[in-house]
Amino acid sequence: MNKNLFKIFSIFWAAVILVSCTNVEKEKIIIKDAHLYVPLKGSMMTSGYLSISNQTTNDIEISSIDCSPVRAEVHETIVNSEGLMTMSKVSSITLDANSSTIFVPGGKHVMFWGLSGFDKEYLLCSFLLVDNDPVDFKFFVKKRG
């Protein structure tokens, strides 16, 4: 009886340790003020902004964003040494433990394609994390002017 109880206890704690090693505490990854504006008339693309805070004790790496069926990518605008502004897709973002970043015009932002005719109040999205479960959130859709 004691051997069986020990086996069950050992299996339980092994499972707890495995789960804690592979998943960050998603409730401690906080996304605020996620919003995008409907595309300008005649355009199929727009951008979105948000703030993300990693209140865990581990660094997290965002590998991409999924907003299916809408195409979305994380981009960053950078001013180079010659003063020229360039925008390019970001392959991943590392967010240090207990830190945050803000996606703003002229910096990191999310580009969207295929939103023309989109008439919902929000767009469901997920940040895909390396070695962790996705973090789901909503981009609220704002009308222009």
Protein backbone atom coordinates (compact mmCIF):
# COMPACT_ATOMS: atom_id res chain seq x y z
CA MET A 1 0.00 0.00 0.00
CA ASN A 2 2.78 2.45 0.92
CA LYS A 3 4.63 1.67 -2.34
CA ASN A 4 1.53 2.50 -4.41
CA LEU A 5 0.93 5.69 -2.47
CA PHE A 6 4.56 6.70 -2.96
CA LYS A 7 4.29 6.03 -6.73
CA ILE A 8 1.14 8.13 -7.02
CA PHE A 9 2.71 10.93 -4.99
CA SER A 10 5.89 10.82 -7.13
CA ILE A 11 3.95 10.89 -10.41
CA PHE A 12 1.84 13.82 -9.19
CA TRP A 13 4.88 15.93 -8.26
CA ALA A 14 6.71 15.03 -11.47
CA ALA A 15 3.69 16.27 -13.44
CA VAL A 16 3.55 19.49 -11.41
CA ILE A 17 7.25 20.15 -12.01
CA LEU A 18 6.96 19.47 -15.76
CA VAL A 19 4.01 21.82 -16.12
CA SER A 20 5.71 24.58 -14.14
CA CYS A 21 8.84 24.31 -16.28
CA THR A 22 7.04 24.71 -19.59
CA ASN A 23 4.37 27.33 -18.98
CA VAL A 24 4.63 30.87 -17.75
CA GLU A 25 1.83 32.20 -15.63
CA LYS A 26 -0.35 33.62 -18.40
CA GLU A 27 -2.34 35.76 -15.98
CA LYS A 28 0.91 37.64 -15.30
CA ILE A 29 1.32 38.58 -18.96
CA ILE A 30 -0.92 41.62 -19.18
CA ILE A 31 -2.02 43.25 -22.41
CA LYS A 32 -3.75 46.63 -22.13
CA ASP A 33 -5.29 49.14 -24.52
CA ALA A 34 -5.04 46.89 -27.60
CA HIS A 35 -6.74 48.86 -30.37
CA LEU A 36 -6.68 49.36 -34.10
CA TYR A 37 -8.44 51.73 -36.45
CA VAL A 38 -10.49 50.54 -39.41
CA PRO A 39 -8.44 50.87 -42.60
CA LEU A 40 -8.67 54.11 -44.55
CA LYS A 41 -11.13 53.97 -47.42
CA GLY A 42 -9.56 52.11 -50.34
CA SER A 43 -6.88 50.51 -48.16
CA MET A 44 -6.72 46.89 -47.02
CA MET A 45 -4.20 47.50 -44.23
CA THR A 46 -3.98 49.28 -40.91
CA SER A 47 -1.93 49.13 -37.73
CA GLY A 48 -2.65 48.35 -34.10
CA TYR A 49 -1.16 49.39 -30.80
CA LEU A 50 -1.06 48.06 -27.23
CA SER A 51 1.02 47.72 -24.12
CA ILE A 52 2.29 44.38 -22.85
CA SER A 53 3.68 43.70 -19.42
CA ASN A 54 5.56 40.57 -18.36
CA GLN A 55 5.04 40.33 -14.61
CA THR A 56 6.56 36.84 -14.39
CA THR A 57 10.02 35.98 -13.13
CA ASN A 58 11.00 34.57 -16.54
CA ASP A 59 11.84 36.21 -19.85
CA ILE A 60 9.31 35.45 -22.59
CA GLU A 61 9.84 35.42 -26.34
CA ILE A 62 7.00 36.38 -28.68
CA SER A 63 7.57 34.60 -31.99
CA SER A 64 4.53 35.93 -33.87
CA ILE A 65 0.91 37.00 -33.69
CA ASP A 66 -2.16 35.14 -34.95
CA CYS A 67 -5.37 37.03 -35.70
CA SER A 68 -6.89 34.53 -38.16
CA PRO A 69 -8.59 34.99 -40.54
CA VAL A 70 -6.95 38.44 -40.72
CA ARG A 71 -3.24 38.52 -41.58
CA ALA A 72 -1.16 40.18 -38.84
CA GLU A 73 2.56 40.74 -38.26
CA VAL A 74 4.61 42.55 -35.63
CA HIS A 75 6.61 45.39 -37.23
CA GLU A 76 8.99 48.05 -36.00
CA THR A 77 9.76 51.48 -37.39
CA ILE A 78 13.40 52.51 -36.96
CA VAL A 79 15.26 55.70 -37.86
CA ASN A 80 18.63 54.69 -39.31
CA SER A 81 21.93 56.57 -38.97
CA GLU A 82 21.11 58.68 -42.05
CA GLY A 83 17.83 59.82 -40.55
CA LEU A 84 15.69 57.66 -42.84
CA MET A 85 12.70 55.90 -41.36
CA THR A 86 12.30 52.22 -42.24
CA MET A 87 9.67 49.71 -41.23
CA SER A 88 10.25 45.98 -41.18
CA LYS A 89 8.77 42.78 -39.81
CA VAL A 90 10.15 41.72 -36.43
CA SER A 91 11.11 38.04 -36.24
CA SER A 92 10.63 37.87 -32.46
CA ILE A 93 10.45 40.05 -29.36
CA THR A 94 12.02 39.12 -26.03
CA LEU A 95 10.28 40.66 -23.06
CA ASP A 96 12.45 40.49 -19.95
CA ALA A 97 11.02 39.35 -16.62
CA ASN A 98 9.17 42.12 -14.79
CA SER A 99 9.30 44.50 -17.75
CA SER A 100 6.91 45.98 -20.27
CA THR A 101 6.86 47.54 -23.71
CA ILE A 102 4.43 49.76 -25.57
CA PHE A 103 3.51 49.37 -29.23
CA VAL A 104 3.14 52.91 -30.61
CA PRO A 105 3.13 54.77 -33.94
CA GLY A 106 6.75 55.20 -35.00
CA GLY A 107 7.88 52.16 -32.98
CA LYS A 108 6.74 48.58 -32.54
CA HIS A 109 3.22 47.97 -33.84
CA VAL A 110 1.04 45.27 -35.39
CA MET A 111 0.26 45.48 -39.11
CA PHE A 112 -3.06 44.05 -40.33
CA TRP A 113 -4.17 43.09 -43.85
CA GLY A 114 -7.66 42.07 -44.94
CA LEU A 115 -9.78 44.15 -42.59
CA SER A 116 -11.82 45.96 -45.24
CA GLY A 117 -15.47 45.31 -44.48
CA PHE A 118 -14.63 44.10 -40.96
CA ASP A 119 -17.60 45.20 -38.86
CA LYS A 120 -17.06 43.58 -35.48
CA GLU A 121 -16.29 45.41 -32.24
CA TYR A 122 -13.04 43.51 -31.69
CA LEU A 123 -10.60 41.11 -33.34
CA LEU A 124 -9.43 38.04 -31.42
CA CYS A 125 -5.65 37.59 -31.51
CA SER A 126 -2.94 35.53 -29.83
CA PHE A 127 0.70 36.27 -29.23
CA LEU A 128 2.54 33.01 -29.95
CA LEU A 129 5.29 32.42 -27.43
CA VAL A 130 8.40 30.27 -27.78
CA ASP A 131 8.17 27.26 -25.42
CA ASN A 132 4.87 28.46 -23.89
CA ASP A 133 1.16 28.52 -24.59
CA PRO A 134 -0.25 31.44 -26.63
CA VAL A 135 -1.52 34.56 -24.88
CA ASP A 136 -5.02 35.43 -26.13
CA PHE A 137 -6.37 38.98 -26.21
CA LYS A 138 -8.73 41.30 -28.11
CA PHE A 139 -7.87 44.20 -30.38
CA PHE A 140 -10.74 46.67 -30.13
CA VAL A 141 -11.67 48.12 -33.51
CA LYS A 142 -12.14 51.90 -33.55
CA LYS A 143 -13.84 53.90 -36.26
CA ARG A 144 -11.92 56.79 -37.76
CA GLY A 145 -12.98 60.41 -37.16
